[in-house]
Amino acid sequence: MVILVPEMVSRMAAEHAKFQDEEYASVPEEASKGEDEGPPPRDHVLLSGRFTTDNPKIKNYMAKVQRELNALGIATFMVNTKRDFGAETMRGLGGARCMVAFCNSSYGEKTSDTYETYCELKHAYENHEIDLIPVQLCTKWPPQPPGQAGKDLCTFVLGKSKVKIKGLESDDTYKAAHKLAADIRDHIKGLGVLDQVGREPPLAAVQENE
């Protein structure tokens, strides 16, 4: 049987209190690190395009260009429509250093959707941390999507003074994916932000006949 004298009890209580103080003192500090981290880094290139399930051409083309950009060492992000579309769009815009707008004839159309190319284009224009890189995939420029709101936005943001990349070989033929990817990379390099969106190439270049 152990008999605890008052001095021992006081000493043990003091040591336990000190231990608790040290233990709990680190908790707020660790928690504050997460709170003070701020927004995510802008370290990728967002690929923005308007595509529908009944017209997969633009989506397939963007996927090829994405692979080619990855092979060139460019970190890219394209919204996965099989997931939560809104969360994907916010993630893509939140971490975008550049946004490549694949401007077909319906790009920038304002629809009833909350997350669409109209919103992406408007956000990229208003956010000076995002460099906008338009790719012309329609014969008439700027794009003239259905609806006045989309037409007005495209005319204002993608007017004649905006530098664009030619994405058409002819009126109905897109430029080869590897050629467009090289043009996009050169444009990013010219903007001086290539080092901010660089990565180790994880994917092999896709073949044009795939």
C-alpha atoms as a PDB file:
ATOM      1  CA  MET A   1       0.000   0.000   0.000  1.00  0.00           C
ATOM      2  CA  VAL A   2       1.385   3.385  -1.079  1.00  0.00           C
ATOM      3  CA  ILE A   3       0.759   6.354   1.164  1.00  0.00           C
ATOM      4  CA  LEU A   4       0.758   9.713  -0.619  1.00  0.00           C
ATOM      5  CA  VAL A   5       1.828  12.577   1.581  1.00  0.00           C
ATOM      6  CA  PRO A   6       0.472  16.055   0.809  1.00  0.00           C
ATOM      7  CA  GLU A   7       3.783  17.188  -0.682  1.00  0.00           C
ATOM      8  CA  MET A   8       3.786  14.300  -3.167  1.00  0.00           C
ATOM      9  CA  VAL A   9       0.169  14.931  -4.156  1.00  0.00           C
ATOM     10  CA  SER A  10       0.867  18.606  -4.762  1.00  0.00           C
ATOM     11  CA  ARG A  11       3.967  17.846  -6.836  1.00  0.00           C
ATOM     12  CA  MET A  12       2.160  15.235  -8.951  1.00  0.00           C
ATOM     13  CA  ALA A  13      -0.777  17.571  -9.526  1.00  0.00           C
ATOM     14  CA  ALA A  14       1.574  20.356 -10.613  1.00  0.00           C
ATOM     15  CA  GLU A  15       3.436  18.061 -13.008  1.00  0.00           C
ATOM     16  CA  HIS A  16       0.161  16.770 -14.475  1.00  0.00           C
ATOM     17  CA  ALA A  17      -1.103  20.312 -14.977  1.00  0.00           C
ATOM     18  CA  LYS A  18       2.147  21.287 -16.688  1.00  0.00           C
ATOM     19  CA  PHE A  19       1.903  18.234 -18.957  1.00  0.00           C
ATOM     20  CA  GLN A  20      -1.677  19.137 -19.913  1.00  0.00           C
ATOM     21  CA  ASP A  21      -0.685  22.742 -20.597  1.00  0.00           C
ATOM     22  CA  GLU A  22       2.114  21.612 -22.933  1.00  0.00           C
ATOM     23  CA  GLU A  23      -0.111  19.042 -24.611  1.00  0.00           C
ATOM     24  CA  TYR A  24      -3.034  21.352 -25.288  1.00  0.00           C
ATOM     25  CA  ALA A  25      -0.885  24.328 -26.197  1.00  0.00           C
ATOM     26  CA  SER A  26       0.132  22.629 -29.446  1.00  0.00           C
ATOM     27  CA  VAL A  27      -3.426  21.883 -30.575  1.00  0.00           C
ATOM     28  CA  PRO A  28      -4.513  25.443 -31.447  1.00  0.00           C
ATOM     29  CA  GLU A  29      -1.164  26.030 -33.149  1.00  0.00           C
ATOM     30  CA  GLU A  30      -1.614  23.000 -35.391  1.00  0.00           C
ATOM     31  CA  ALA A  31      -5.204  23.914 -36.121  1.00  0.00           C
ATOM     32  CA  SER A  32      -4.251  27.467 -37.013  1.00  0.00           C
ATOM     33  CA  LYS A  33      -1.813  26.218 -39.620  1.00  0.00           C
ATOM     34  CA  GLY A  34      -4.671  24.765 -41.622  1.00  0.00           C
ATOM     35  CA  GLU A  35      -6.765  27.901 -41.239  1.00  0.00           C
ATOM     36  CA  ASP A  36      -3.931  30.201 -42.374  1.00  0.00           C
ATOM     37  CA  GLU A  37      -2.897  28.193 -45.428  1.00  0.00           C
ATOM     38  CA  GLY A  38      -5.007  30.423 -47.672  1.00  0.00           C
ATOM     39  CA  PRO A  39      -6.227  29.573 -51.180  1.00  0.00           C
ATOM     40  CA  PRO A  40      -4.698  26.682 -53.134  1.00  0.00           C
ATOM     41  CA  PRO A  41      -1.717  27.470 -55.370  1.00  0.00           C
ATOM     42  CA  ARG A  42      -2.416  28.396 -58.970  1.00  0.00           C
ATOM     43  CA  ASP A  43      -0.344  25.719 -60.636  1.00  0.00           C
ATOM     44  CA  HIS A  44      -2.293  24.241 -63.534  1.00  0.00           C
ATOM     45  CA  VAL A  45      -3.842  25.080 -66.891  1.00  0.00           C
ATOM     46  CA  LEU A  46      -7.634  24.792 -66.980  1.00  0.00           C
ATOM     47  CA  LEU A  47      -9.047  23.512 -70.262  1.00  0.00           C
ATOM     48  CA  SER A  48     -12.443  25.128 -70.777  1.00  0.00           C
ATOM     49  CA  GLY A  49     -14.854  23.967 -73.462  1.00  0.00           C
ATOM     50  CA  ARG A  50     -18.544  23.630 -74.134  1.00  0.00           C
ATOM     51  CA  PHE A  51     -19.598  20.146 -75.137  1.00  0.00           C
ATOM     52  CA  THR A  52     -22.786  18.122 -75.031  1.00  0.00           C
ATOM     53  CA  THR A  53     -23.454  14.383 -74.947  1.00  0.00           C
ATOM     54  CA  ASP A  54     -24.850  14.439 -78.498  1.00  0.00           C
ATOM     55  CA  ASN A  55     -21.724  16.172 -79.851  1.00  0.00           C
ATOM     56  CA  PRO A  56     -18.584  14.583 -78.343  1.00  0.00           C
ATOM     57  CA  LYS A  57     -16.175  15.975 -80.974  1.00  0.00           C
ATOM     58  CA  ILE A  58     -14.891  18.915 -78.938  1.00  0.00           C
ATOM     59  CA  LYS A  59     -14.627  16.858 -75.743  1.00  0.00           C
ATOM     60  CA  ASN A  60     -12.590  14.143 -77.466  1.00  0.00           C
ATOM     61  CA  TYR A  61     -10.355  16.762 -79.074  1.00  0.00           C
ATOM     62  CA  MET A  62      -9.753  18.493 -75.745  1.00  0.00           C
ATOM     63  CA  ALA A  63      -8.840  15.152 -74.163  1.00  0.00           C
ATOM     64  CA  LYS A  64      -6.219  14.582 -76.871  1.00  0.00           C
ATOM     65  CA  VAL A  65      -4.786  18.059 -76.439  1.00  0.00           C
ATOM     66  CA  GLN A  66      -4.689  17.510 -72.679  1.00  0.00           C
ATOM     67  CA  ARG A  67      -2.588  14.364 -73.113  1.00  0.00           C
ATOM     68  CA  GLU A  68      -0.233  16.171 -75.453  1.00  0.00           C
ATOM     69  CA  LEU A  69       0.175  19.035 -72.972  1.00  0.00           C
ATOM     70  CA  ASN A  70       0.876  16.534 -70.178  1.00  0.00           C
ATOM     71  CA  ALA A  71       3.535  14.939 -72.372  1.00  0.00           C
ATOM     72  CA  LEU A  72       5.092  18.392 -72.824  1.00  0.00           C
ATOM     73  CA  GLY A  73       5.288  18.812 -69.064  1.00  0.00           C
ATOM     74  CA  ILE A  74       2.237  21.049 -68.570  1.00  0.00           C
ATOM     75  CA  ALA A  75      -0.056  20.425 -65.597  1.00  0.00           C
ATOM     76  CA  THR A  76      -3.649  20.524 -66.829  1.00  0.00           C
ATOM     77  CA  PHE A  77      -7.164  20.261 -65.425  1.00  0.00           C
ATOM     78  CA  MET A  78     -10.329  19.400 -67.313  1.00  0.00           C
ATOM     79  CA  VAL A  79     -13.710  19.083 -65.602  1.00  0.00           C
ATOM     80  CA  ASN A  80     -14.863  15.486 -65.251  1.00  0.00           C
ATOM     81  CA  THR A  81     -18.573  15.671 -66.021  1.00  0.00           C
ATOM     82  CA  LYS A  82     -19.145  12.255 -64.446  1.00  0.00           C
ATOM     83  CA  ARG A  83     -18.407  13.789 -61.036  1.00  0.00           C
ATOM     84  CA  ASP A  84     -19.942  16.747 -59.212  1.00  0.00           C
ATOM     85  CA  PHE A  85     -19.820  19.297 -62.027  1.00  0.00           C
ATOM     86  CA  GLY A  86     -19.939  22.330 -59.738  1.00  0.00           C
ATOM     87  CA  ALA A  87     -17.203  21.140 -57.386  1.00  0.00           C
ATOM     88  CA  GLU A  88     -15.006  20.185 -60.341  1.00  0.00           C
ATOM     89  CA  THR A  89     -15.440  23.607 -61.950  1.00  0.00           C
ATOM     90  CA  MET A  90     -14.626  25.458 -58.731  1.00  0.00           C
ATOM     91  CA  ARG A  91     -11.551  23.295 -58.198  1.00  0.00           C
ATOM     92  CA  GLY A  92     -10.390  23.916 -61.747  1.00  0.00           C
ATOM     93  CA  LEU A  93     -10.853  27.681 -61.568  1.00  0.00           C
ATOM     94  CA  GLY A  94      -9.468  27.931 -58.035  1.00  0.00           C
ATOM     95  CA  GLY A  95      -6.102  26.444 -59.000  1.00  0.00           C
ATOM     96  CA  ALA A  96      -5.844  27.808 -62.554  1.00  0.00           C
ATOM     97  CA  ARG A  97      -2.852  29.939 -63.549  1.00  0.00           C
ATOM     98  CA  CYS A  98      -3.988  29.923 -67.168  1.00  0.00           C
ATOM     99  CA  MET A  99      -7.271  29.015 -68.831  1.00  0.00           C
ATOM    100  CA  VAL A 100      -7.349  27.717 -72.386  1.00  0.00           C
ATOM    101  CA  ALA A 101     -10.760  28.475 -73.896  1.00  0.00           C
ATOM    102  CA  PHE A 102     -11.612  26.037 -76.707  1.00  0.00           C
ATOM    103  CA  CYS A 103     -13.882  28.448 -78.553  1.00  0.00           C
ATOM    104  CA  ASN A 104     -16.246  26.601 -80.840  1.00  0.00           C
ATOM    105  CA  SER A 105     -19.377  28.333 -82.130  1.00  0.00           C
ATOM    106  CA  SER A 106     -21.368  27.716 -78.918  1.00  0.00           C
ATOM    107  CA  TYR A 107     -18.608  28.632 -76.460  1.00  0.00           C
ATOM    108  CA  GLY A 108     -19.736  31.163 -73.866  1.00  0.00           C
ATOM    109  CA  GLU A 109     -23.461  30.441 -74.214  1.00  0.00           C
ATOM    110  CA  LYS A 110     -25.422  31.453 -71.116  1.00  0.00           C
ATOM    111  CA  THR A 111     -27.811  28.675 -70.175  1.00  0.00           C
ATOM    112  CA  SER A 112     -29.721  27.727 -67.055  1.00  0.00           C
ATOM    113  CA  ASP A 113     -26.678  25.863 -65.709  1.00  0.00           C
ATOM    114  CA  THR A 114     -24.814  27.458 -62.814  1.00  0.00           C
ATOM    115  CA  TYR A 115     -21.435  26.188 -64.021  1.00  0.00           C
ATOM    116  CA  GLU A 116     -20.845  26.700 -67.737  1.00  0.00           C
ATOM    117  CA  THR A 117     -18.366  28.260 -70.137  1.00  0.00           C
ATOM    118  CA  TYR A 118     -20.132  31.609 -69.772  1.00  0.00           C
ATOM    119  CA  CYS A 119     -19.255  31.630 -66.059  1.00  0.00           C
ATOM    120  CA  GLU A 120     -15.733  30.299 -66.653  1.00  0.00           C
ATOM    121  CA  LEU A 121     -14.980  32.971 -69.248  1.00  0.00           C
ATOM    122  CA  LYS A 122     -16.409  35.735 -67.073  1.00  0.00           C
ATOM    123  CA  HIS A 123     -14.439  34.530 -64.028  1.00  0.00           C
ATOM    124  CA  ALA A 124     -11.170  34.254 -65.955  1.00  0.00           C
ATOM    125  CA  TYR A 125     -11.602  37.748 -67.383  1.00  0.00           C
ATOM    126  CA  GLU A 126     -12.376  39.282 -63.985  1.00  0.00           C
ATOM    127  CA  ASN A 127      -9.584  37.423 -62.143  1.00  0.00           C
ATOM    128  CA  HIS A 128      -6.210  38.928 -63.029  1.00  0.00           C
ATOM    129  CA  GLU A 129      -4.376  35.910 -61.602  1.00  0.00           C
ATOM    130  CA  ILE A 130      -5.612  33.813 -64.537  1.00  0.00           C
ATOM    131  CA  ASP A 131      -4.114  34.301 -68.001  1.00  0.00           C
ATOM    132  CA  LEU A 132      -6.770  33.659 -70.645  1.00  0.00           C
ATOM    133  CA  ILE A 133      -5.642  31.794 -73.774  1.00  0.00           C
ATOM    134  CA  PRO A 134      -8.385  31.601 -76.449  1.00  0.00           C
ATOM    135  CA  VAL A 135      -8.209  28.932 -79.153  1.00  0.00           C
ATOM    136  CA  GLN A 136     -10.271  29.700 -82.255  1.00  0.00           C
ATOM    137  CA  LEU A 137     -12.291  26.649 -83.294  1.00  0.00           C
ATOM    138  CA  CYS A 138     -15.022  28.512 -85.171  1.00  0.00           C
ATOM    139  CA  THR A 139     -14.911  30.370 -88.474  1.00  0.00           C
ATOM    140  CA  LYS A 140     -16.535  33.546 -87.127  1.00  0.00           C
ATOM    141  CA  TRP A 141     -14.633  35.441 -84.432  1.00  0.00           C
ATOM    142  CA  PRO A 142     -15.365  36.181 -81.705  1.00  0.00           C
ATOM    143  CA  PRO A 143     -17.732  33.246 -81.090  1.00  0.00           C
ATOM    144  CA  GLN A 144     -21.417  34.046 -81.485  1.00  0.00           C
ATOM    145  CA  PRO A 145     -23.181  31.530 -79.234  1.00  0.00           C
ATOM    146  CA  PRO A 146     -26.978  31.386 -78.948  1.00  0.00           C
ATOM    147  CA  GLY A 147     -28.428  34.098 -76.702  1.00  0.00           C
ATOM    148  CA  GLN A 148     -27.524  37.768 -76.400  1.00  0.00           C
ATOM    149  CA  ALA A 149     -25.705  37.464 -73.059  1.00  0.00           C
ATOM    150  CA  GLY A 150     -23.188  34.988 -74.464  1.00  0.00           C
ATOM    151  CA  LYS A 151     -22.659  37.053 -77.608  1.00  0.00           C
ATOM    152  CA  ASP A 152     -22.059  40.202 -75.578  1.00  0.00           C
ATOM    153  CA  LEU A 153     -19.560  38.518 -73.244  1.00  0.00           C
ATOM    154  CA  CYS A 154     -17.590  36.921 -76.084  1.00  0.00           C
ATOM    155  CA  THR A 155     -17.510  40.178 -78.022  1.00  0.00           C
ATOM    156  CA  PHE A 156     -16.294  42.081 -74.961  1.00  0.00           C
ATOM    157  CA  VAL A 157     -13.714  39.545 -73.696  1.00  0.00           C
ATOM    158  CA  LEU A 158     -12.605  37.920 -76.960  1.00  0.00           C
ATOM    159  CA  GLY A 159     -12.662  40.951 -79.220  1.00  0.00           C
ATOM    160  CA  LYS A 160     -10.269  41.705 -82.047  1.00  0.00           C
ATOM    161  CA  SER A 161      -7.558  42.976 -79.728  1.00  0.00           C
ATOM    162  CA  LYS A 162      -7.327  39.677 -77.825  1.00  0.00           C
ATOM    163  CA  VAL A 163      -4.431  37.449 -78.931  1.00  0.00           C
ATOM    164  CA  LYS A 164      -5.735  34.027 -79.904  1.00  0.00           C
ATOM    165  CA  ILE A 165      -4.339  30.720 -81.123  1.00  0.00           C
ATOM    166  CA  LYS A 166      -5.625  29.366 -84.423  1.00  0.00           C
ATOM    167  CA  GLY A 167      -7.110  25.930 -83.863  1.00  0.00           C
ATOM    168  CA  LEU A 168      -8.522  25.238 -87.333  1.00  0.00           C
ATOM    169  CA  GLU A 169      -6.717  23.804 -90.338  1.00  0.00           C
ATOM    170  CA  SER A 170      -9.834  24.418 -92.443  1.00  0.00           C
ATOM    171  CA  ASP A 171     -13.425  25.460 -91.794  1.00  0.00           C
ATOM    172  CA  ASP A 172     -14.343  22.085 -90.275  1.00  0.00           C
ATOM    173  CA  THR A 173     -10.990  20.478 -89.410  1.00  0.00           C
ATOM    174  CA  TYR A 174      -9.251  20.977 -86.094  1.00  0.00           C
ATOM    175  CA  LYS A 175      -5.494  21.375 -85.979  1.00  0.00           C
ATOM    176  CA  ALA A 176      -3.627  18.206 -85.001  1.00  0.00           C
ATOM    177  CA  ALA A 177      -3.657  17.871 -81.208  1.00  0.00           C
ATOM    178  CA  HIS A 178       0.125  17.768 -80.853  1.00  0.00           C
ATOM    179  CA  LYS A 179       0.484  20.934 -82.962  1.00  0.00           C
ATOM    180  CA  LEU A 180      -2.083  22.831 -80.909  1.00  0.00           C
ATOM    181  CA  ALA A 181      -0.488  21.638 -77.658  1.00  0.00           C
ATOM    182  CA  ALA A 182       2.888  22.947 -78.865  1.00  0.00           C
ATOM    183  CA  ASP A 183       1.287  26.314 -79.740  1.00  0.00           C
ATOM    184  CA  ILE A 184      -0.309  26.513 -76.291  1.00  0.00           C
ATOM    185  CA  ARG A 185       2.986  25.683 -74.586  1.00  0.00           C
ATOM    186  CA  ASP A 186       4.782  28.382 -76.592  1.00  0.00           C
ATOM    187  CA  HIS A 187       2.089  30.885 -75.634  1.00  0.00           C
ATOM    188  CA  ILE A 188       2.411  29.998 -71.944  1.00  0.00           C
ATOM    189  CA  LYS A 189       6.174  30.367 -72.228  1.00  0.00           C
ATOM    190  CA  GLY A 190       5.699  33.769 -73.826  1.00  0.00           C
ATOM    191  CA  LEU A 191       3.525  34.809 -70.882  1.00  0.00           C
ATOM    192  CA  GLY A 192       6.424  33.941 -68.585  1.00  0.00           C
ATOM    193  CA  VAL A 193       4.488  31.468 -66.428  1.00  0.00           C
ATOM    194  CA  LEU A 194       5.732  28.152 -67.812  1.00  0.00           C
ATOM    195  CA  ASP A 195       7.604  27.394 -64.596  1.00  0.00           C
ATOM    196  CA  GLN A 196       4.396  27.837 -62.597  1.00  0.00           C
ATOM    197  CA  VAL A 197       2.465  25.124 -64.463  1.00  0.00           C
ATOM    198  CA  GLY A 198       5.297  22.680 -65.143  1.00  0.00           C
ATOM    199  CA  ARG A 199       5.250  19.009 -64.162  1.00  0.00           C
ATOM    200  CA  GLU A 200       7.004  15.742 -64.870  1.00  0.00           C
ATOM    201  CA  PRO A 201       5.370  14.244 -67.998  1.00  0.00           C
ATOM    202  CA  PRO A 202       3.259  11.331 -66.675  1.00  0.00           C
ATOM    203  CA  LEU A 203       1.486  10.442 -69.933  1.00  0.00           C
ATOM    204  CA  ALA A 204       2.642   9.379 -73.348  1.00  0.00           C
ATOM    205  CA  ALA A 205       1.497  11.496 -76.275  1.00  0.00           C
ATOM    206  CA  VAL A 206      -1.731  10.243 -77.855  1.00  0.00           C
ATOM    207  CA  GLN A 207      -1.671   9.184 -81.483  1.00  0.00           C
ATOM    208  CA  GLU A 208      -3.837  11.124 -83.918  1.00  0.00           C
ATOM    209  CA  ASN A 209      -5.574   7.973 -85.128  1.00  0.00           C
ATOM    210  CA  GLU A 210      -6.760   6.980 -81.644  1.00  0.00           C
END
